[in-house]
Structure formats: structure tokens, C-alpha cells
PDB file of N, CA and C in Angstrom:
ATOM      1  N   ASP A   1       0.825  -1.200   0.000  1.00  0.00           N
ATOM      2  CA  ASP A   1       0.000   0.000   0.000  1.00  0.00           C
ATOM      3  C   ASP A   1       0.866   1.260   0.000  1.00  0.00           C
ATOM      4  N   HIS A   2       1.823   1.205   0.893  1.00  0.00           N
ATOM      5  CA  HIS A   2       2.693   2.383   1.025  1.00  0.00           C
ATOM      6  C   HIS A   2       3.468   2.638  -0.269  1.00  0.00           C
ATOM      7  N   GLU A   3       3.956   1.569  -0.862  1.00  0.00           N
ATOM      8  CA  GLU A   3       4.716   1.729  -2.108  1.00  0.00           C
ATOM      9  C   GLU A   3       3.803   2.185  -3.237  1.00  0.00           C
ATOM     10  N   GLN A   4       2.610   1.675  -3.264  1.00  0.00           N
ATOM     11  CA  GLN A   4       1.655   2.088  -4.292  1.00  0.00           C
ATOM     12  C   GLN A   4       1.302   3.566  -4.144  1.00  0.00           C
ATOM     13  N   LEU A   5       1.086   3.971  -2.905  1.00  0.00           N
ATOM     14  CA  LEU A   5       0.786   5.386  -2.631  1.00  0.00           C
ATOM     15  C   LEU A   5       1.961   6.263  -3.036  1.00  0.00           C
ATOM     16  N   LEU A   6       3.140   5.775  -2.721  1.00  0.00           N
ATOM     17  CA  LEU A   6       4.349   6.525  -3.082  1.00  0.00           C
ATOM     18  C   LEU A   6       4.481   6.617  -4.601  1.00  0.00           C
ATOM     19  N   LYS A   7       4.199   5.532  -5.290  1.00  0.00           N
ATOM     20  CA  LYS A   7       4.284   5.530  -6.745  1.00  0.00           C
ATOM     21  C   LYS A   7       3.241   6.470  -7.341  1.00  0.00           C
ATOM     22  N   MET A   8       2.033   6.471  -6.809  1.00  0.00           N
ATOM     23  CA  MET A   8       0.990   7.382  -7.282  1.00  0.00           C
ATOM     24  C   MET A   8       1.394   8.839  -7.066  1.00  0.00           C
ATOM     25  N   MET A   9       1.991   9.080  -5.915  1.00  0.00           N
ATOM     26  CA  MET A   9       2.431  10.452  -5.613  1.00  0.00           C
ATOM     27  C   MET A   9       3.539  10.877  -6.580  1.00  0.00           C
ATOM     28  N   GLU A  10       4.442   9.970  -6.883  1.00  0.00           N
ATOM     29  CA  GLU A  10       5.512  10.285  -7.834  1.00  0.00           C
ATOM     30  C   GLU A  10       4.919  10.578  -9.221  1.00  0.00           C
ATOM     31  N   GLU A  11       3.951   9.772  -9.633  1.00  0.00           N
ATOM     32  CA  GLU A  11       3.308  10.002 -10.931  1.00  0.00           C
ATOM     33  C   GLU A  11       2.594  11.350 -10.958  1.00  0.00           C
ATOM     34  N   ARG A  12       1.919  11.653  -9.877  1.00  0.00           N
ATOM     35  CA  ARG A  12       1.254  12.963  -9.779  1.00  0.00           C
ATOM     36  C   ARG A  12       2.267  14.097  -9.852  1.00  0.00           C
ATOM     37  N   MET A  13       3.375  13.908  -9.141  1.00  0.00           N
ATOM     38  CA  MET A  13       4.423  14.939  -9.140  1.00  0.00           C
ATOM     39  C   MET A  13       4.984  15.124 -10.555  1.00  0.00           C
ATOM     40  N   MET A  14       5.208  14.005 -11.235  1.00  0.00           N
ATOM     41  CA  MET A  14       5.726  14.095 -12.604  1.00  0.00           C
ATOM     42  C   MET A  14       4.708  14.776 -13.514  1.00  0.00           C
ATOM     43  N   ASP A  15       3.444  14.450 -13.323  1.00  0.00           N
ATOM     44  CA  ASP A  15       2.382  15.073 -14.108  1.00  0.00           C
ATOM     45  C   ASP A  15       2.307  16.578 -13.825  1.00  0.00           C
ATOM     46  N   VAL A  16       2.374  16.911 -12.552  1.00  0.00           N
ATOM     47  CA  VAL A  16       2.335  18.338 -12.165  1.00  0.00           C
ATOM     48  C   VAL A  16       3.553  19.069 -12.713  1.00  0.00           C
ATOM     49  N   GLU A  17       4.721  18.448 -12.637  1.00  0.00           N
ATOM     50  CA  GLU A  17       5.931  19.069 -13.174  1.00  0.00           C
ATOM     51  C   GLU A  17       5.817  19.285 -14.679  1.00  0.00           C
ATOM     52  N   GLN A  18       5.258  18.288 -15.367  1.00  0.00           N
ATOM     53  CA  GLN A  18       5.082  18.414 -16.813  1.00  0.00           C
ATOM     54  C   GLN A  18       4.115  19.556 -17.128  1.00  0.00           C
ATOM     55  N   LYS A  19       3.030  19.622 -16.383  1.00  0.00           N
ATOM     56  CA  LYS A  19       2.077  20.711 -16.587  1.00  0.00           C
ATOM     57  C   LYS A  19       2.707  22.055 -16.273  1.00  0.00           C
ATOM     58  N   LEU A  20       3.511  22.119 -15.239  1.00  0.00           N
ATOM     59  CA  LEU A  20       4.187  23.365 -14.892  1.00  0.00           C
ATOM     60  C   LEU A  20       5.146  23.800 -15.999  1.00  0.00           C
ATOM     61  N   ARG A  21       5.878  22.811 -16.565  1.00  0.00           N
ATOM     62  CA  ARG A  21       6.785  23.148 -17.671  1.00  0.00           C
ATOM     63  C   ARG A  21       5.991  23.700 -18.870  1.00  0.00           C
ATOM     64  N   LEU A  22       4.852  23.069 -19.137  1.00  0.00           N
ATOM     65  CA  LEU A  22       4.010  23.528 -20.231  1.00  0.00           C
ATOM     66  C   LEU A  22       3.496  24.946 -19.968  1.00  0.00           C
ATOM     67  N   VAL A  23       3.028  25.190 -18.757  1.00  0.00           N
ATOM     68  CA  VAL A  23       2.545  26.531 -18.400  1.00  0.00           C
ATOM     69  C   VAL A  23       3.675  27.547 -18.484  1.00  0.00           C
ATOM     70  N   LYS A  24       4.869  27.134 -18.012  1.00  0.00           N
ATOM     71  CA  LYS A  24       6.019  28.032 -18.068  1.00  0.00           C
ATOM     72  C   LYS A  24       6.348  28.373 -19.527  1.00  0.00           C
ATOM     73  N   ARG A  25       6.307  27.381 -20.418  1.00  0.00           N
ATOM     74  CA  ARG A  25       6.585  27.610 -21.834  1.00  0.00           C
ATOM     75  C   ARG A  25       5.525  28.536 -22.442  1.00  0.00           C
ATOM     76  N   LEU A  26       4.268  28.277 -22.093  1.00  0.00           N
ATOM     77  CA  LEU A  26       3.193  29.130 -22.603  1.00  0.00           C
ATOM     78  C   LEU A  26       3.340  30.568 -22.106  1.00  0.00           C
ATOM     79  N   LEU A  27       3.688  30.707 -20.836  1.00  0.00           N
ATOM     80  CA  LEU A  27       3.885  32.053 -20.281  1.00  0.00           C
ATOM     81  C   LEU A  27       5.059  32.754 -20.949  1.00  0.00           C
ATOM     82  N   GLN A  28       6.135  32.002 -21.208  1.00  0.00           N
ATOM     83  CA  GLN A  28       7.290  32.607 -21.871  1.00  0.00           C
ATOM     84  C   GLN A  28       6.927  33.046 -23.284  1.00  0.00           C
ATOM     85  N   ASP A  29       6.149  32.227 -23.986  1.00  0.00           N
ATOM     86  CA  ASP A  29       5.677  32.606 -25.320  1.00  0.00           C
ATOM     87  C   ASP A  29       4.855  33.890 -25.249  1.00  0.00           C
ATOM     88  N   LYS A  30       3.981  33.962 -24.255  1.00  0.00           N
ATOM     89  CA  LYS A  30       3.146  35.155 -24.092  1.00  0.00           C
ATOM     90  C   LYS A  30       4.003  36.377 -23.774  1.00  0.00           C
ATOM     91  N   VAL A  31       5.013  36.201 -22.919  1.00  0.00           N
ATOM     92  CA  VAL A  31       5.929  37.305 -22.590  1.00  0.00           C
ATOM     93  C   VAL A  31       6.636  37.785 -23.853  1.00  0.00           C
ATOM     94  N   ASN A  32       7.111  36.839 -24.657  1.00  0.00           N
ATOM     95  CA  ASN A  32       7.793  37.211 -25.905  1.00  0.00           C
ATOM     96  C   ASN A  32       6.840  37.946 -26.848  1.00  0.00           C
ATOM     97  N   GLN A  33       5.617  37.447 -26.923  1.00  0.00           N
ATOM     98  CA  GLN A  33       4.614  38.096 -27.782  1.00  0.00           C
ATOM     99  C   GLN A  33       4.331  39.517 -27.299  1.00  0.00           C
ATOM    100  N   LEU A  34       4.202  39.685 -25.994  1.00  0.00           N
ATOM    101  CA  LEU A  34       3.926  41.015 -25.446  1.00  0.00           C
ATOM    102  C   LEU A  34       5.110  41.960 -25.629  1.00  0.00           C
ATOM    103  N   LYS A  35       6.334  41.433 -25.510  1.00  0.00           N
ATOM    104  CA  LYS A  35       7.517  42.260 -25.753  1.00  0.00           C
ATOM    105  C   LYS A  35       7.545  42.741 -27.201  1.00  0.00           C
ATOM    106  N   GLU A  36       7.226  41.824 -28.122  1.00  0.00           N
ATOM    107  CA  GLU A  36       7.193  42.188 -29.537  1.00  0.00           C
ATOM    108  C   GLU A  36       6.120  43.242 -29.801  1.00  0.00           C
ATOM    109  N   GLN A  37       4.956  43.060 -29.182  1.00  0.00           N
ATOM    110  CA  GLN A  37       3.872  44.031 -29.356  1.00  0.00           C
ATOM    111  C   GLN A  37       4.260  45.386 -28.778  1.00  0.00           C
ATOM    112  N   LEU A  38       4.944  45.376 -27.634  1.00  0.00           N
ATOM    113  CA  LEU A  38       5.401  46.629 -27.030  1.00  0.00           C
ATOM    114  C   LEU A  38       6.377  47.340 -27.959  1.00  0.00           C
ATOM    115  N   SER A  39       7.266  46.566 -28.566  1.00  0.00           N
ATOM    116  CA  SER A  39       8.224  47.153 -29.501  1.00  0.00           C
ATOM    117  C   SER A  39       7.499  47.783 -30.689  1.00  0.00           C
ATOM    118  N   LYS A  40       6.519  47.057 -31.233  1.00  0.00           N
ATOM    119  CA  LYS A  40       5.742  47.596 -32.352  1.00  0.00           C
ATOM    120  C   LYS A  40       4.987  48.857 -31.929  1.00  0.00           C
ATOM    121  N   ASN A  41       4.400  48.822 -30.742  1.00  0.00           N
ATOM    122  CA  ASN A  41       3.648  49.988 -30.255  1.00  0.00           C
ATOM    123  C   ASN A  41       4.561  51.188 -30.056  1.00  0.00           C
ATOM    124  N   THR A  42       5.765  50.943 -29.573  1.00  0.00           N
ATOM    125  CA  THR A  42       6.724  52.026 -29.364  1.00  0.00           C
ATOM    126  C   THR A  42       7.100  52.665 -30.702  1.00  0.00           C
ATOM    127  N   LYS A  43       7.342  51.802 -31.707  1.00  0.00           N
ATOM    128  CA  LYS A  43       7.667  52.332 -33.040  1.00  0.00           C
ATOM    129  C   LYS A  43       6.489  53.105 -33.611  1.00  0.00           C
ATOM    130  N   ALA A  44       5.292  52.561 -33.451  1.00  0.00           N
ATOM    131  CA  ALA A  44       4.099  53.233 -33.964  1.00  0.00           C
ATOM    132  C   ALA A  44       3.898  54.574 -33.261  1.00  0.00           C
ATOM    133  N   ASP A  45       4.143  54.611 -31.962  1.00  0.00           N
ATOM    134  CA  ASP A  45       4.007  55.853 -31.206  1.00  0.00           C
ATOM    135  C   ASP A  45       4.989  56.906 -31.714  1.00  0.00           C
ATOM    136  N   ALA A  46       6.214  56.476 -31.973  1.00  0.00           N
ATOM    137  CA  ALA A  46       7.215  57.407 -32.503  1.00  0.00           C
ATOM    138  C   ALA A  46       6.791  57.920 -33.875  1.00  0.00           C
ATOM    139  N   MET A  47       6.235  57.038 -34.699  1.00  0.00           N
ATOM    140  CA  MET A  47       5.780  57.455 -36.027  1.00  0.00           C
ATOM    141  C   MET A  47       4.625  58.446 -35.916  1.00  0.00           C
ATOM    142  N   VAL A  48       3.718  58.201 -34.997  1.00  0.00           N
ATOM    143  CA  VAL A  48       2.586  59.119 -34.817  1.00  0.00           C
ATOM    144  C   VAL A  48       3.092  60.491 -34.379  1.00  0.00           C
ATOM    145  N   LYS A  49       4.055  60.503 -33.459  1.00  0.00           N
ATOM    146  CA  LYS A  49       4.619  61.785 -33.021  1.00  0.00           C
ATOM    147  C   LYS A  49       5.299  62.506 -34.182  1.00  0.00           C
ATOM    148  N   ASP A  50       6.061  61.754 -34.996  1.00  0.00           N
ATOM    149  CA  ASP A  50       6.724  62.354 -36.157  1.00  0.00           C
ATOM    150  C   ASP A  50       5.693  62.925 -37.128  1.00  0.00           C
ATOM    151  N   LEU A  51       4.625  62.162 -37.355  1.00  0.00           N
ATOM    152  CA  LEU A  51       3.574  62.634 -38.260  1.00  0.00           C
ATOM    153  C   LEU A  51       2.878  63.867 -37.704  1.00  0.00           C
ATOM    154  N   TYR A  52       2.696  63.905 -36.388  1.00  0.00           N
ATOM    155  CA  TYR A  52       2.075  65.069 -35.756  1.00  0.00           C
ATOM    156  C   TYR A  52       2.929  66.314 -35.991  1.00  0.00           C
ATOM    157  N   VAL A  53       4.236  66.170 -35.791  1.00  0.00           N
ATOM    158  CA  VAL A  53       5.151  67.299 -35.994  1.00  0.00           C
ATOM    159  C   VAL A  53       5.153  67.705 -37.466  1.00  0.00           C
ATOM    160  N   GLU A  54       5.222  66.709 -38.362  1.00  0.00           N
ATOM    161  CA  GLU A  54       5.224  67.009 -39.794  1.00  0.00           C
ATOM    162  C   GLU A  54       3.922  67.691 -40.208  1.00  0.00           C
ATOM    163  N   ASN A  55       2.814  67.234 -39.653  1.00  0.00           N
ATOM    164  CA  ASN A  55       1.518  67.841 -39.964  1.00  0.00           C
ATOM    165  C   ASN A  55       1.488  69.305 -39.510  1.00  0.00           C
ATOM    166  N   ALA A  56       2.021  69.582 -38.334  1.00  0.00           N
ATOM    167  CA  ALA A  56       2.060  70.962 -37.838  1.00  0.00           C
ATOM    168  C   ALA A  56       2.910  71.835 -38.766  1.00  0.00           C
ATOM    169  N   GLN A  57       4.035  71.292 -39.216  1.00  0.00           N
ATOM    170  CA  GLN A  57       4.892  72.050 -40.130  1.00  0.00           C
ATOM    171  C   GLN A  57       4.182  72.302 -41.464  1.00  0.00           C
ATOM    172  N   LEU A  58       3.488  71.281 -41.955  1.00  0.00           N
ATOM    173  CA  LEU A  58       2.763  71.447 -43.220  1.00  0.00           C
ATOM    174  C   LEU A  58       1.641  72.465 -43.084  1.00  0.00           C
ATOM    175  N   LEU A  59       0.970  72.469 -41.935  1.00  0.00           N
ATOM    176  CA  LEU A  59      -0.083  73.462 -41.720  1.00  0.00           C
ATOM    177  C   LEU A  59       0.478  74.877 -41.721  1.00  0.00           C
ATOM    178  N   LYS A  60       1.626  75.067 -41.082  1.00  0.00           N
ATOM    179  CA  LYS A  60       2.263  76.387 -41.081  1.00  0.00           C
ATOM    180  C   LYS A  60       2.650  76.798 -42.499  1.00  0.00           C
ATOM    181  N   ALA A  61       3.204  75.846 -43.256  1.00  0.00           N
ATOM    182  CA  ALA A  61       3.591  76.141 -44.636  1.00  0.00           C
ATOM    183  C   ALA A  61       2.360  76.475 -45.471  1.00  0.00           C
ATOM    184  N   LEU A  62       1.269  75.743 -45.265  1.00  0.00           N
ATOM    185  CA  LEU A  62       0.032  76.020 -45.994  1.00  0.00           C
ATOM    186  C   LEU A  62      -0.503  77.398 -45.654  1.00  0.00           C
ATOM    187  N   GLU A  63      -0.503  77.762 -44.372  1.00  0.00           N
ATOM    188  CA  GLU A  63      -0.968  79.090 -43.966  1.00  0.00           C
ATOM    189  C   GLU A  63      -0.118  80.180 -44.599  1.00  0.00           C
ATOM    190  N   ALA A  64       1.197  79.981 -44.623  1.00  0.00           N
ATOM    191  CA  ALA A  64       2.092  80.977 -45.230  1.00  0.00           C
ATOM    192  C   ALA A  64       1.812  81.091 -46.726  1.00  0.00           C
ATOM    193  N   THR A  65       1.598  79.951 -47.372  1.00  0.00           N
ATOM    194  CA  THR A  65       1.308  79.956 -48.817  1.00  0.00           C
ATOM    195  C   THR A  65      -0.018  80.651 -49.098  1.00  0.00           C
ATOM    196  N   GLU A  66      -1.027  80.359 -48.283  1.00  0.00           N
ATOM    197  CA  GLU A  66      -2.322  81.020 -48.464  1.00  0.00           C
ATOM    198  C   GLU A  66      -2.200  82.525 -48.261  1.00  0.00           C
ATOM    199  N   GLN A  67      -1.395  82.930 -47.286  1.00  0.00           N
ATOM    200  CA  GLN A  67      -1.201  84.360 -47.041  1.00  0.00           C
ATOM    201  C   GLN A  67      -0.506  85.012 -48.229  1.00  0.00           C
ATOM    202  N   ARG A  68       0.515  84.326 -48.783  1.00  0.00           N
ATOM    203  CA  ARG A  68       1.202  84.867 -49.968  1.00  0.00           C
ATOM    204  C   ARG A  68       0.246  84.958 -51.151  1.00  0.00           C
ATOM    205  N   GLN A  69      -0.626  83.958 -51.282  1.00  0.00           N
ATOM    206  CA  GLN A  69      -1.598  83.983 -52.382  1.00  0.00           C
ATOM    207  C   GLN A  69      -2.549  85.172 -52.227  1.00  0.00           C
ATOM    208  N   LYS A  70      -3.030  85.407 -51.014  1.00  0.00           N
ATOM    209  CA  LYS A  70      -3.921  86.556 -50.780  1.00  0.00           C
ATOM    210  C   LYS A  70      -3.211  87.863 -51.107  1.00  0.00           C
ATOM    211  N   THR A  71      -1.962  87.964 -50.690  1.00  0.00           N
ATOM    212  CA  THR A  71      -1.185  89.169 -50.972  1.00  0.00           C
ATOM    213  C   THR A  71      -1.013  89.345 -52.482  1.00  0.00           C
ATOM    214  N   ALA A  72      -0.711  88.257 -53.176  1.00  0.00           N
ATOM    215  CA  ALA A  72      -0.543  88.329 -54.637  1.00  0.00           C
ATOM    216  C   ALA A  72      -1.854  88.713 -55.301  1.00  0.00           C
ATOM    217  N   GLU A  73      -2.957  88.176 -54.820  1.00  0.00           N
ATOM    218  CA  GLU A  73      -4.260  88.534 -55.395  1.00  0.00           C
ATOM    219  C   GLU A  73      -4.568  90.012 -55.177  1.00  0.00           C
ATOM    220  N   ARG A  74      -4.254  90.527 -53.985  1.00  0.00           N
ATOM    221  CA  ARG A  74      -4.464  91.966 -53.725  1.00  0.00           C
ATOM    222  C   ARG A  74      -3.603  92.810 -54.659  1.00  0.00           C
ATOM    223  N   ARG A  75      -2.352  92.426 -54.832  1.00  0.00           N
ATOM    224  CA  ARG A  75      -1.457  93.173 -55.720  1.00  0.00           C
ATOM    225  C   ARG A  75      -1.959  93.116 -57.160  1.00  0.00           C
ATOM    226  N   ASN A  76      -2.409  91.943 -57.581  1.00  0.00           N
ATOM    227  CA  ASN A  76      -2.963  91.827 -58.932  1.00  0.00           C
ATOM    228  C   ASN A  76      -4.156  92.750 -59.108  1.00  0.00           C
ATOM    229  N   TYR A  77      -5.036  92.773 -58.120  1.00  0.00           N
ATOM    230  CA  TYR A  77      -6.214  93.633 -58.190  1.00  0.00           C
ATOM    231  C   TYR A  77      -5.798  95.096 -58.313  1.00  0.00           C
ATOM    232  N   LEU A  78      -4.847  95.517 -57.478  1.00  0.00           N
ATOM    233  CA  LEU A  78      -4.370  96.900 -57.532  1.00  0.00           C
ATOM    234  C   LEU A  78      -3.723  97.212 -58.875  1.00  0.00           C
ATOM    235  N   LEU A  79      -2.932  96.262 -59.390  1.00  0.00           N
ATOM    236  CA  LEU A  79      -2.306  96.477 -60.691  1.00  0.00           C
ATOM    237  C   LEU A  79      -3.354  96.575 -61.799  1.00  0.00           C
ATOM    238  N   GLU A  80      -4.383  95.720 -61.725  1.00  0.00           N
ATOM    239  CA  GLU A  80      -5.447  95.797 -62.730  1.00  0.00           C
ATOM    240  C   GLU A  80      -6.170  97.138 -62.663  1.00  0.00           C
ATOM    241  N   GLU A  81      -6.384  97.652 -61.437  1.00  0.00           N
ATOM    242  CA  GLU A  81      -7.005  98.979 -61.304  1.00  0.00           C
ATOM    243  C   GLU A  81      -6.113 100.056 -61.908  1.00  0.00           C
ATOM    244  N   LYS A  82      -4.814  99.973 -61.648  1.00  0.00           N
ATOM    245  CA  LYS A  82      -3.878 100.954 -62.197  1.00  0.00           C
ATOM    246  C   LYS A  82      -3.861 100.886 -63.722  1.00  0.00           C
ATOM    247  N   ILE A  83      -3.886  99.666 -64.268  1.00  0.00           N
ATOM    248  CA  ILE A  83      -3.897  99.505 -65.724  1.00  0.00           C
ATOM    249  C   ILE A  83      -5.169 100.113 -66.310  1.00  0.00           C
ATOM    250  N   ALA A  84      -6.296  99.833 -65.646  1.00  0.00           N
ATOM    251  CA  ALA A  84      -7.564 100.394 -66.127  1.00  0.00           C
ATOM    252  C   ALA A  84      -7.514 101.917 -66.085  1.00  0.00           C
ATOM    253  N   ASN A  85      -6.982 102.494 -65.003  1.00  0.00           N
ATOM    254  CA  ASN A  85      -6.861 103.957 -64.887  1.00  0.00           C
ATOM    255  C   ASN A  85      -5.920 104.516 -65.947  1.00  0.00           C
ATOM    256  N   LEU A  86      -4.792 103.838 -66.169  1.00  0.00           N
ATOM    257  CA  LEU A  86      -3.857 104.301 -67.198  1.00  0.00           C
ATOM    258  C   LEU A  86      -4.491 104.221 -68.581  1.00  0.00           C
ATOM    259  N   ASN A  87      -5.246 103.155 -68.820  1.00  0.00           N
ATOM    260  CA  ASN A  87      -5.939 103.045 -70.113  1.00  0.00           C
ATOM    261  C   ASN A  87      -6.934 104.187 -70.301  1.00  0.00           C
ATOM    262  N   ARG A  88      -7.658 104.550 -69.227  1.00  0.00           N
ATOM    263  CA  ARG A  88      -8.593 105.681 -69.309  1.00  0.00           C
ATOM    264  C   ARG A  88      -7.836 106.971 -69.603  1.00  0.00           C
ATOM    265  N   ILE A  89      -6.718 107.150 -68.909  1.00  0.00           N
ATOM    266  CA  ILE A  89      -5.923 108.369 -69.118  1.00  0.00           C
ATOM    267  C   ILE A  89      -5.427 108.429 -70.558  1.00  0.00           C
ATOM    268  N   VAL A  90      -4.899 107.305 -71.043  1.00  0.00           N
ATOM    269  CA  VAL A  90      -4.396 107.270 -72.420  1.00  0.00           C
ATOM    270  C   VAL A  90      -5.539 107.526 -73.395  1.00  0.00           C
ATOM    271  N   LYS A  91      -6.688 106.921 -73.154  1.00  0.00           N
ATOM    272  CA  LYS A  91      -7.853 107.122 -74.016  1.00  0.00           C
ATOM    273  C   LYS A  91      -8.271 108.594 -74.012  1.00  0.00           C
ATOM    274  N   ASN A  92      -8.291 109.186 -72.786  1.00  0.00           N
ATOM    275  CA  ASN A  92      -8.678 110.597 -72.681  1.00  0.00           C
ATOM    276  C   ASN A  92      -7.651 111.504 -73.361  1.00  0.00           C
ATOM    277  N   LEU A  93      -6.385 111.184 -73.241  1.00  0.00           N
ATOM    278  CA  LEU A  93      -5.349 111.994 -73.890  1.00  0.00           C
ATOM    279  C   LEU A  93      -5.399 111.839 -75.410  1.00  0.00           C
ATOM    280  N   ALA A  94      -5.696 110.630 -75.871  1.00  0.00           N
ATOM    281  CA  ALA A  94      -5.702 110.373 -77.308  1.00  0.00           C
ATOM    282  C   ALA A  94      -6.969 110.927 -77.966  1.00  0.00           C
ATOM    283  N   SER A  95      -8.058 110.920 -77.283  1.00  0.00           N
ATOM    284  CA  SER A  95      -9.338 111.363 -77.871  1.00  0.00           C
ATOM    285  C   SER A  95      -9.283 112.818 -78.350  1.00  0.00           C
ATOM    286  N   PRO A  96      -8.847 113.779 -77.557  1.00  0.00           N
ATOM    287  CA  PRO A  96      -8.839 115.170 -78.046  1.00  0.00           C
ATOM    288  C   PRO A  96      -7.873 115.389 -79.208  1.00  0.00           C
ATOM    289  N   SER A  97      -6.798 114.633 -79.254  1.00  0.00           N
ATOM    290  CA  SER A  97      -5.821 114.875 -80.323  1.00  0.00           C
ATOM    291  C   SER A  97      -6.343 114.380 -81.661  1.00  0.00           C
ATOM    292  N   PHE A  98      -7.257 113.452 -81.721  1.00  0.00           N
ATOM    293  CA  PHE A  98      -7.815 112.974 -82.975  1.00  0.00           C
ATOM    294  C   PHE A  98      -9.051 113.758 -83.413  1.00  0.00           C
ATOM    295  N   SER A  99      -9.659 114.468 -82.515  1.00  0.00           N
ATOM    296  CA  SER A  99     -10.855 115.226 -82.899  1.00  0.00           C
ATOM    297  C   SER A  99     -10.424 116.593 -83.427  1.00  0.00           C
ATOM    298  N   PRO A 100     -11.187 117.175 -84.417  1.00  0.00           N
ATOM    299  CA  PRO A 100     -10.834 118.457 -85.034  1.00  0.00           C
ATOM    300  C   PRO A 100     -11.014 119.656 -84.131  1.00  0.00           C
TER     301      PRO A 100
END
């Protein structure tokens, strides 16, 4: 009886040890998977930060470009007004010289 009980206990211990090794292997796999995911997340976070900075720079460049465009449009408008005024002046100067 005693030897049988001892043998059963040894078998249980071996079974428990085998299960523990399996759990340990599974846990190590999970740790490795989580480390890999953390690495990917860290890289993704850095990329998001870089994109955020790049986006801010692009927005500033766009605002500057829009401001330059508005300024150019104002200058064009003023130049067109000056051309129209000069054309009127030239027309007015030319009209009396052709009439008798």
C-alpha cells in the first residue's frame, strides 16, 4: 500500500511538473509576444509623433502659402485697377488729339 501510494504520488508529481513546464513555456511565449507588441507599439508611437510634428509644419507652410496667395491677389487687383486707370488716361489723352 505504502509503495503504491508513493508511486501514485511520484506520478502525480511528474504530471504536475510536466504541466508546470508547459505553463512556463506558454507564459514565456506570451511574454515574448507582449515584448514584440510593445516594440511595435513604441515604433508606432514614434511614427505618430513624427507625423504630428510634420503635420504641424505642413499646416504652417500652408498658412504661409495662403497668405502669400492673398497678398498676390491683392497686388494683382491693384495692378489691374492701375492699368484700367492708365488706359482711361491714355484714351482721354488720345481722344482730343484725334478730334478736329
